[in-house]
Protein backbone atom coordinates (compact mmCIF):
# COMPACT_ATOMS: atom_id res chain seq x y z
CA UNK A 1 13.81 -4.18 3.63
CA UNK A 2 11.31 -3.26 6.16
CA UNK A 3 7.63 -3.98 6.12
CA UNK A 4 6.68 -0.32 5.81
CA UNK A 5 9.06 -0.20 2.84
CA UNK A 6 7.54 -3.25 1.22
CA UNK A 7 3.99 -1.81 1.78
CA UNK A 8 5.05 1.58 0.23
CA UNK A 9 6.62 -0.02 -2.81
CA UNK A 10 3.44 -2.16 -3.47
CA UNK A 11 1.48 1.05 -3.33
CA UNK A 12 3.48 2.92 -5.76
CA UNK A 13 3.53 -0.27 -7.99
CA UNK A 14 -0.41 -0.45 -7.99
CA UNK A 15 -0.52 3.38 -8.68
CA UNK A 16 1.64 3.07 -11.77
CA UNK A 17 -0.42 -0.03 -12.78
CA UNK A 18 -3.68 1.73 -12.51
CA UNK A 19 -2.03 5.02 -13.62
CA UNK A 20 -3.77 6.89 -10.80
CA UNK A 21 -2.47 9.62 -8.41
CA UNK A 22 -2.27 9.43 -4.62
CA UNK A 23 -5.28 11.88 -4.89
CA UNK A 24 -7.35 9.53 -6.96
CA UNK A 25 -6.29 6.44 -4.71
CA UNK A 26 -7.86 8.58 -1.65
CA UNK A 27 -10.99 9.28 -3.67
CA UNK A 28 -11.70 5.57 -4.68
CA UNK A 29 -10.65 4.05 -1.46
CA UNK A 30 -11.82 6.38 1.03
CA UNK A 31 -8.20 6.48 2.89
CA UNK A 32 -7.19 10.09 3.43
CA UNK A 33 -4.72 11.33 1.10
CA UNK A 34 -2.64 12.15 4.03
CA UNK A 35 -2.57 8.70 5.27
CA UNK A 36 -1.58 7.05 1.76
CA UNK A 37 1.09 10.08 1.45
CA UNK A 38 2.34 9.25 4.90
CA UNK A 39 2.74 5.58 3.87
CA UNK A 40 4.25 6.15 0.24
CA UNK A 41 6.84 8.33 2.10
CA UNK A 42 7.79 5.92 4.86
CA UNK A 43 6.94 8.44 7.29
CA UNK A 44 5.25 5.99 9.51
CA UNK A 45 6.54 2.75 11.60
CA UNK A 46 3.05 1.19 11.47
CA UNK A 47 0.30 0.57 9.16
CA UNK A 48 -3.12 -0.85 10.27
CA UNK A 49 -4.27 -3.88 8.39
CA UNK A 50 -7.63 -2.16 7.94
CA UNK A 51 -6.05 0.59 6.17
CA UNK A 52 -4.55 -1.84 3.67
CA UNK A 53 -7.76 -3.64 3.32
CA UNK A 54 -9.56 -0.36 2.56
CA UNK A 55 -7.11 0.56 -0.29
CA UNK A 56 -7.54 -2.87 -1.63
CA UNK A 57 -11.39 -3.00 -1.55
CA UNK A 58 -11.42 0.49 -2.94
CA UNK A 59 -9.36 -0.46 -5.89
CA UNK A 60 -10.91 -3.92 -6.29
CA UNK A 61 -7.82 -5.92 -5.04
CA UNK A 62 -7.95 -8.88 -2.98
CA UNK A 63 -5.74 -8.86 0.22
CA UNK A 64 -4.21 -11.98 -1.02
CA UNK A 65 -3.29 -10.46 -4.49
CA UNK A 66 -1.71 -7.29 -2.58
CA UNK A 67 0.52 -9.61 -0.42
CA UNK A 68 1.10 -11.94 -3.05
CA UNK A 69 4.42 -9.85 -4.09
CA UNK A 70 8.07 -10.80 -3.92
CA UNK A 71 8.68 -7.67 -1.96
CA UNK A 72 6.71 -9.62 1.05
CA UNK A 73 8.70 -12.94 1.08
CA UNK A 74 10.30 -13.33 4.36
CA UNK A 75 13.88 -13.20 2.83
CA UNK A 76 13.22 -9.75 1.60
CA UNK A 77 11.84 -8.42 4.89
CA UNK A 78 14.27 -7.79 7.98
CA UNK A 79 11.69 -6.86 10.61
């Protein structure tokens, strides 16, 4: 799995856990809905850490908590 896939997977998981839409995530975090959509649809090769920070901050999640997921383990990533 590529890193972008892991981030997209985590965002989808957070959306389900918090029962929110991409639009609601955008409103809460200040990150444009188009950016969130691009990440979730895996239409970008890179993501700024500041974008992930903004998402986490707006949703009340620590960066450590965001990355503390099996999808981010080295053996699950190939890039």
